[in-house]
Amino acid sequence: MSALLRTYETSGLTLRAFSARCRVPTGTLAWWRYELRRRSQREATGGVPAHEEPPRFLPVQVVAPERPERAFEVELASGARVRVPADFSAEGLKRLLAVLERC
């Protein structure tokens, strides 16, 4: 696809006219042009382009419970704590964490 896009760039034609001539959907050429530019920018900067934020990771601290029991506690970045009992519902916890991640 990159060879086809290089041919397009030197053709002097509009993207629509070039795609009609080559019988390639205009949207396909436009997407690949965008994607190859994005990849090139990423390689040039050695990482994430400025318009893309890197993933955010929150620090996690493991704290031993004061009294041993079959439960654990999750402390959120806000300082709120969620205590999870030993007989927790994995599906319920999954739903709760999804809600908390949106806050």
C-alpha atoms as a PDB file:
ATOM      1  CA  MET A   1       0.000   0.000   0.000  1.00  0.00           C
ATOM      2  CA  SER A   2       2.874   2.388   0.694  1.00  0.00           C
ATOM      3  CA  ALA A   3       4.113   2.014  -2.898  1.00  0.00           C
ATOM      4  CA  LEU A   4       0.637   2.832  -4.189  1.00  0.00           C
ATOM      5  CA  LEU A   5       0.477   5.914  -1.976  1.00  0.00           C
ATOM      6  CA  ARG A   6       3.898   7.077  -3.185  1.00  0.00           C
ATOM      7  CA  THR A   7       2.596   6.757  -6.753  1.00  0.00           C
ATOM      8  CA  TYR A   8      -0.479   8.775  -5.770  1.00  0.00           C
ATOM      9  CA  GLU A   9       1.624  11.542  -4.191  1.00  0.00           C
ATOM     10  CA  THR A  10       3.634  12.003  -7.394  1.00  0.00           C
ATOM     11  CA  SER A  11       0.626  11.639  -9.720  1.00  0.00           C
ATOM     12  CA  GLY A  12      -0.708  15.166  -9.348  1.00  0.00           C
ATOM     13  CA  LEU A  13      -4.227  13.728  -9.117  1.00  0.00           C
ATOM     14  CA  THR A  14      -6.723  14.217  -6.348  1.00  0.00           C
ATOM     15  CA  LEU A  15      -7.179  11.282  -4.019  1.00  0.00           C
ATOM     16  CA  ARG A  16     -10.630  10.648  -5.484  1.00  0.00           C
ATOM     17  CA  ALA A  17      -9.385  10.688  -9.088  1.00  0.00           C
ATOM     18  CA  PHE A  18      -6.405   8.482  -8.284  1.00  0.00           C
ATOM     19  CA  SER A  19      -8.500   5.952  -6.386  1.00  0.00           C
ATOM     20  CA  ALA A  20     -10.980   5.780  -9.293  1.00  0.00           C
ATOM     21  CA  ARG A  21      -8.144   5.200 -11.742  1.00  0.00           C
ATOM     22  CA  CYS A  22      -6.664   2.403  -9.594  1.00  0.00           C
ATOM     23  CA  ARG A  23     -10.061   0.994  -8.624  1.00  0.00           C
ATOM     24  CA  VAL A  24      -9.300   1.296  -4.913  1.00  0.00           C
ATOM     25  CA  PRO A  25     -11.905   2.836  -2.586  1.00  0.00           C
ATOM     26  CA  THR A  26     -11.065   6.439  -1.711  1.00  0.00           C
ATOM     27  CA  GLY A  27     -11.661   5.721   1.980  1.00  0.00           C
ATOM     28  CA  THR A  28      -9.146   2.881   1.910  1.00  0.00           C
ATOM     29  CA  LEU A  29      -6.432   5.079   0.426  1.00  0.00           C
ATOM     30  CA  ALA A  30      -7.237   7.913   2.823  1.00  0.00           C
ATOM     31  CA  TRP A  31      -7.078   5.585   5.838  1.00  0.00           C
ATOM     32  CA  TRP A  32      -3.762   4.056   4.774  1.00  0.00           C
ATOM     33  CA  ARG A  33      -2.315   7.498   4.097  1.00  0.00           C
ATOM     34  CA  TYR A  34      -3.298   8.529   7.632  1.00  0.00           C
ATOM     35  CA  GLU A  35      -2.053   5.274   9.176  1.00  0.00           C
ATOM     36  CA  LEU A  36       1.324   5.328   7.427  1.00  0.00           C
ATOM     37  CA  ARG A  37       1.858   8.965   8.414  1.00  0.00           C
ATOM     38  CA  ARG A  38       0.979   8.106  12.019  1.00  0.00           C
ATOM     39  CA  ARG A  39       3.424   5.190  12.027  1.00  0.00           C
ATOM     40  CA  SER A  40       6.129   7.351  10.483  1.00  0.00           C
ATOM     41  CA  GLN A  41       5.573  10.034  13.108  1.00  0.00           C
ATOM     42  CA  ARG A  42       5.728   7.424  15.868  1.00  0.00           C
ATOM     43  CA  GLU A  43       9.033   6.068  14.539  1.00  0.00           C
ATOM     44  CA  ALA A  44      10.442   9.582  14.155  1.00  0.00           C
ATOM     45  CA  THR A  45       9.612  10.541  17.732  1.00  0.00           C
ATOM     46  CA  GLY A  46      10.639   7.188  19.147  1.00  0.00           C
ATOM     47  CA  GLY A  47       7.339   6.577  20.845  1.00  0.00           C
ATOM     48  CA  VAL A  48       3.897   8.000  21.241  1.00  0.00           C
ATOM     49  CA  PRO A  49       2.874  10.947  19.045  1.00  0.00           C
ATOM     50  CA  ALA A  50       2.040  14.154  20.918  1.00  0.00           C
ATOM     51  CA  HIS A  51      -1.686  13.875  20.148  1.00  0.00           C
ATOM     52  CA  GLU A  52      -1.913  10.424  21.785  1.00  0.00           C
ATOM     53  CA  GLU A  53      -1.672  10.222  25.549  1.00  0.00           C
ATOM     54  CA  PRO A  54       0.288   7.342  27.013  1.00  0.00           C
ATOM     55  CA  PRO A  55      -1.702   5.034  29.262  1.00  0.00           C
ATOM     56  CA  ARG A  56      -1.994   6.178  32.850  1.00  0.00           C
ATOM     57  CA  PHE A  57      -0.973   3.779  35.566  1.00  0.00           C
ATOM     58  CA  LEU A  58      -1.923   4.244  39.172  1.00  0.00           C
ATOM     59  CA  PRO A  59       0.413   3.204  41.966  1.00  0.00           C
ATOM     60  CA  VAL A  60      -0.713   0.164  43.914  1.00  0.00           C
ATOM     61  CA  GLN A  61       0.282  -0.475  47.489  1.00  0.00           C
ATOM     62  CA  VAL A  62      -0.220  -3.933  48.984  1.00  0.00           C
ATOM     63  CA  VAL A  63      -1.003  -3.737  52.680  1.00  0.00           C
ATOM     64  CA  ALA A  64      -1.211  -6.778  54.908  1.00  0.00           C
ATOM     65  CA  PRO A  65      -4.478  -6.914  56.863  1.00  0.00           C
ATOM     66  CA  GLU A  66      -4.324  -6.225  60.582  1.00  0.00           C
ATOM     67  CA  ARG A  67      -5.939  -9.582  61.266  1.00  0.00           C
ATOM     68  CA  PRO A  68      -5.598 -12.426  58.863  1.00  0.00           C
ATOM     69  CA  GLU A  69      -8.813 -13.180  57.032  1.00  0.00           C
ATOM     70  CA  ARG A  70      -9.861 -14.238  53.576  1.00  0.00           C
ATOM     71  CA  ALA A  71     -10.569 -10.770  52.229  1.00  0.00           C
ATOM     72  CA  PHE A  72      -8.702  -8.001  50.506  1.00  0.00           C
ATOM     73  CA  GLU A  73      -8.976  -4.274  50.131  1.00  0.00           C
ATOM     74  CA  VAL A  74      -8.495  -2.049  47.094  1.00  0.00           C
ATOM     75  CA  GLU A  75      -7.453   1.564  47.654  1.00  0.00           C
ATOM     76  CA  LEU A  76      -8.290   3.932  44.803  1.00  0.00           C
ATOM     77  CA  ALA A  77      -6.200   6.924  43.767  1.00  0.00           C
ATOM     78  CA  SER A  78      -8.804   9.164  45.460  1.00  0.00           C
ATOM     79  CA  GLY A  79      -8.084   7.427  48.774  1.00  0.00           C
ATOM     80  CA  ALA A  80     -11.416   5.586  48.819  1.00  0.00           C
ATOM     81  CA  ARG A  81     -11.167   1.942  49.834  1.00  0.00           C
ATOM     82  CA  VAL A  82     -13.178  -1.024  48.648  1.00  0.00           C
ATOM     83  CA  ARG A  83     -13.195  -4.024  50.960  1.00  0.00           C
ATOM     84  CA  VAL A  84     -13.786  -7.286  49.113  1.00  0.00           C
ATOM     85  CA  PRO A  85     -14.887 -10.285  51.213  1.00  0.00           C
ATOM     86  CA  ALA A  86     -13.662 -13.802  50.583  1.00  0.00           C
ATOM     87  CA  ASP A  87     -16.961 -14.896  49.091  1.00  0.00           C
ATOM     88  CA  PHE A  88     -17.179 -11.983  46.647  1.00  0.00           C
ATOM     89  CA  SER A  89     -18.959 -12.255  43.323  1.00  0.00           C
ATOM     90  CA  ALA A  90     -16.315 -11.803  40.615  1.00  0.00           C
ATOM     91  CA  GLU A  91     -18.962 -10.420  38.263  1.00  0.00           C
ATOM     92  CA  GLY A  92     -20.183  -7.957  40.886  1.00  0.00           C
ATOM     93  CA  LEU A  93     -16.640  -6.760  41.567  1.00  0.00           C
ATOM     94  CA  LYS A  94     -16.015  -6.382  37.836  1.00  0.00           C
ATOM     95  CA  ARG A  95     -19.118  -4.173  37.494  1.00  0.00           C
ATOM     96  CA  LEU A  96     -18.130  -2.104  40.528  1.00  0.00           C
ATOM     97  CA  LEU A  97     -14.602  -1.503  39.225  1.00  0.00           C
ATOM     98  CA  ALA A  98     -15.974  -0.497  35.813  1.00  0.00           C
ATOM     99  CA  VAL A  99     -18.163   2.136  37.491  1.00  0.00           C
ATOM    100  CA  LEU A 100     -15.279   3.386  39.638  1.00  0.00           C
ATOM    101  CA  GLU A 101     -12.951   3.680  36.639  1.00  0.00           C
ATOM    102  CA  ARG A 102     -15.405   6.108  35.023  1.00  0.00           C
ATOM    103  CA  CYS A 103     -15.338   8.430  38.057  1.00  0.00           C
END
